Amino acid sequence: MGIDDKINNASEQAAGKVKEGAGRATGDERLESEGHKDQASANLKQAGEKIKDVFRS
């Protein structure tokens, strides 16, 4: 755990933004919603990593 997890979370968030944008551009509400879900998941994981960092210090 550490930098690898942070990188994976950031890439998951970026992928979610791409999905959301593609869904919005094509009018695909399901794809846009999936992008929102991916971003929320990545944000929760990032928050967990920040909490771990606080307790490691």
N, C-alpha and C. Protein backbone atom coordinates (compact mmCIF):
# COMPACT_ATOMS: atom_id res chain seq x y z
N MET A 1 0.84 -1.17 0.00
CA MET A 1 0.00 0.00 0.00
C MET A 1 0.89 1.23 0.00
N GLY A 2 0.39 2.26 -0.59
CA GLY A 2 1.18 3.47 -0.64
C GLY A 2 1.03 4.15 -1.97
N ILE A 3 2.16 4.43 -2.57
CA ILE A 3 2.16 5.22 -3.81
C ILE A 3 1.44 4.48 -4.93
N ASP A 4 1.58 3.16 -4.98
CA ASP A 4 0.89 2.39 -6.03
C ASP A 4 -0.62 2.53 -5.92
N ASP A 5 -1.12 2.46 -4.69
CA ASP A 5 -2.56 2.61 -4.48
C ASP A 5 -3.04 4.00 -4.86
N LYS A 6 -2.23 5.00 -4.52
CA LYS A 6 -2.59 6.38 -4.85
C LYS A 6 -2.64 6.59 -6.36
N ILE A 7 -1.69 6.00 -7.06
CA ILE A 7 -1.67 6.11 -8.52
C ILE A 7 -2.88 5.41 -9.12
N ASN A 8 -3.19 4.22 -8.62
CA ASN A 8 -4.35 3.48 -9.12
C ASN A 8 -5.65 4.25 -8.87
N ASN A 9 -5.76 4.87 -7.71
CA ASN A 9 -6.95 5.66 -7.40
C ASN A 9 -7.07 6.87 -8.32
N ALA A 10 -5.96 7.51 -8.58
CA ALA A 10 -5.98 8.67 -9.47
C ALA A 10 -6.36 8.26 -10.89
N SER A 11 -5.85 7.12 -11.34
CA SER A 11 -6.20 6.67 -12.69
C SER A 11 -7.66 6.25 -12.77
N GLU A 12 -8.18 5.66 -11.69
CA GLU A 12 -9.59 5.29 -11.66
C GLU A 12 -10.47 6.54 -11.71
N GLN A 13 -10.06 7.58 -11.00
CA GLN A 13 -10.81 8.83 -11.02
C GLN A 13 -10.77 9.46 -12.41
N ALA A 14 -9.62 9.44 -13.05
CA ALA A 14 -9.49 10.00 -14.39
C ALA A 14 -10.35 9.22 -15.39
N ALA A 15 -10.36 7.90 -15.26
CA ALA A 15 -11.18 7.08 -16.15
C ALA A 15 -12.66 7.40 -15.94
N GLY A 16 -13.04 7.65 -14.70
CA GLY A 16 -14.42 8.02 -14.41
C GLY A 16 -14.80 9.34 -15.06
N LYS A 17 -13.88 10.29 -15.04
CA LYS A 17 -14.14 11.58 -15.68
C LYS A 17 -14.30 11.42 -17.19
N VAL A 18 -13.49 10.54 -17.78
CA VAL A 18 -13.60 10.30 -19.22
C VAL A 18 -14.94 9.66 -19.54
N LYS A 19 -15.34 8.67 -18.75
CA LYS A 19 -16.63 8.01 -18.96
C LYS A 19 -17.77 9.01 -18.82
N GLU A 20 -17.70 9.84 -17.79
CA GLU A 20 -18.74 10.83 -17.58
C GLU A 20 -18.84 11.78 -18.76
N GLY A 21 -17.69 12.26 -19.23
CA GLY A 21 -17.67 13.17 -20.38
C GLY A 21 -18.19 12.51 -21.65
N ALA A 22 -17.81 11.27 -21.87
CA ALA A 22 -18.28 10.55 -23.05
C ALA A 22 -19.79 10.33 -22.97
N GLY A 23 -20.26 10.00 -21.80
CA GLY A 23 -21.69 9.80 -21.62
C GLY A 23 -22.47 11.08 -21.84
N ARG A 24 -21.94 12.17 -21.34
CA ARG A 24 -22.60 13.47 -21.51
C ARG A 24 -22.61 13.87 -22.98
N ALA A 25 -21.48 13.64 -23.66
CA ALA A 25 -21.36 14.04 -25.07
C ALA A 25 -22.28 13.23 -25.97
N THR A 26 -22.47 11.96 -25.65
CA THR A 26 -23.30 11.10 -26.49
C THR A 26 -24.74 10.99 -26.00
N GLY A 27 -25.03 11.58 -24.84
CA GLY A 27 -26.38 11.50 -24.30
C GLY A 27 -26.66 10.15 -23.64
N ASP A 28 -25.62 9.40 -23.33
CA ASP A 28 -25.76 8.09 -22.69
C ASP A 28 -25.75 8.29 -21.17
N GLU A 29 -26.94 8.33 -20.58
CA GLU A 29 -27.05 8.59 -19.15
C GLU A 29 -26.42 7.47 -18.32
N ARG A 30 -26.48 6.23 -18.81
CA ARG A 30 -25.91 5.11 -18.08
C ARG A 30 -24.39 5.24 -17.98
N LEU A 31 -23.76 5.60 -19.08
CA LEU A 31 -22.31 5.78 -19.09
C LEU A 31 -21.90 6.95 -18.21
N GLU A 32 -22.66 8.02 -18.27
CA GLU A 32 -22.38 9.19 -17.44
C GLU A 32 -22.49 8.82 -15.95
N SER A 33 -23.52 8.07 -15.62
CA SER A 33 -23.72 7.62 -14.24
C SER A 33 -22.59 6.70 -13.79
N GLU A 34 -22.16 5.84 -14.67
CA GLU A 34 -21.05 4.93 -14.36
C GLU A 34 -19.78 5.73 -14.08
N GLY A 35 -19.58 6.79 -14.82
CA GLY A 35 -18.42 7.66 -14.60
C GLY A 35 -18.47 8.32 -13.23
N HIS A 36 -19.67 8.78 -12.83
CA HIS A 36 -19.84 9.37 -11.50
C HIS A 36 -19.52 8.33 -10.43
N LYS A 37 -20.00 7.12 -10.63
CA LYS A 37 -19.77 6.05 -9.65
C LYS A 37 -18.29 5.74 -9.53
N ASP A 38 -17.58 5.66 -10.64
CA ASP A 38 -16.15 5.38 -10.62
C ASP A 38 -15.38 6.49 -9.88
N GLN A 39 -15.77 7.73 -10.11
CA GLN A 39 -15.11 8.85 -9.44
C GLN A 39 -15.36 8.81 -7.94
N ALA A 40 -16.59 8.51 -7.54
CA ALA A 40 -16.92 8.43 -6.12
C ALA A 40 -16.13 7.32 -5.44
N SER A 41 -16.02 6.20 -6.12
CA SER A 41 -15.27 5.07 -5.57
C SER A 41 -13.80 5.45 -5.39
N ALA A 42 -13.23 6.09 -6.37
CA ALA A 42 -11.83 6.52 -6.28
C ALA A 42 -11.64 7.53 -5.16
N ASN A 43 -12.59 8.44 -5.01
CA ASN A 43 -12.48 9.44 -3.94
C ASN A 43 -12.51 8.79 -2.57
N LEU A 44 -13.35 7.78 -2.39
CA LEU A 44 -13.40 7.07 -1.11
C LEU A 44 -12.09 6.35 -0.83
N LYS A 45 -11.55 5.74 -1.86
CA LYS A 45 -10.27 5.03 -1.69
C LYS A 45 -9.16 6.01 -1.34
N GLN A 46 -9.17 7.18 -1.98
CA GLN A 46 -8.15 8.19 -1.69
C GLN A 46 -8.28 8.69 -0.25
N ALA A 47 -9.51 8.84 0.21
CA ALA A 47 -9.72 9.26 1.59
C ALA A 47 -9.17 8.21 2.55
N GLY A 48 -9.37 6.95 2.23
CA GLY A 48 -8.83 5.88 3.05
C GLY A 48 -7.31 5.92 3.10
N GLU A 49 -6.69 6.20 1.96
CA GLU A 49 -5.23 6.31 1.92
C GLU A 49 -4.74 7.47 2.77
N LYS A 50 -5.46 8.59 2.73
CA LYS A 50 -5.07 9.75 3.55
C LYS A 50 -5.17 9.42 5.04
N ILE A 51 -6.19 8.69 5.43
CA ILE A 51 -6.34 8.29 6.83
C ILE A 51 -5.20 7.38 7.25
N LYS A 52 -4.84 6.45 6.37
CA LYS A 52 -3.71 5.57 6.67
C LYS A 52 -2.43 6.37 6.86
N ASP A 53 -2.23 7.38 6.01
CA ASP A 53 -1.04 8.21 6.09
C ASP A 53 -0.98 8.95 7.43
N VAL A 54 -2.12 9.40 7.92
CA VAL A 54 -2.16 10.13 9.19
C VAL A 54 -1.71 9.22 10.32
N PHE A 55 -2.16 7.97 10.31
CA PHE A 55 -1.82 7.07 11.39
C PHE A 55 -0.39 6.52 11.28
N ARG A 56 0.19 6.57 10.11
CA ARG A 56 1.58 6.13 9.93
C ARG A 56 2.55 7.16 10.46
N SER A 57 2.15 8.41 10.47
CA SER A 57 3.06 9.49 10.89
C SER A 57 3.30 9.51 12.37
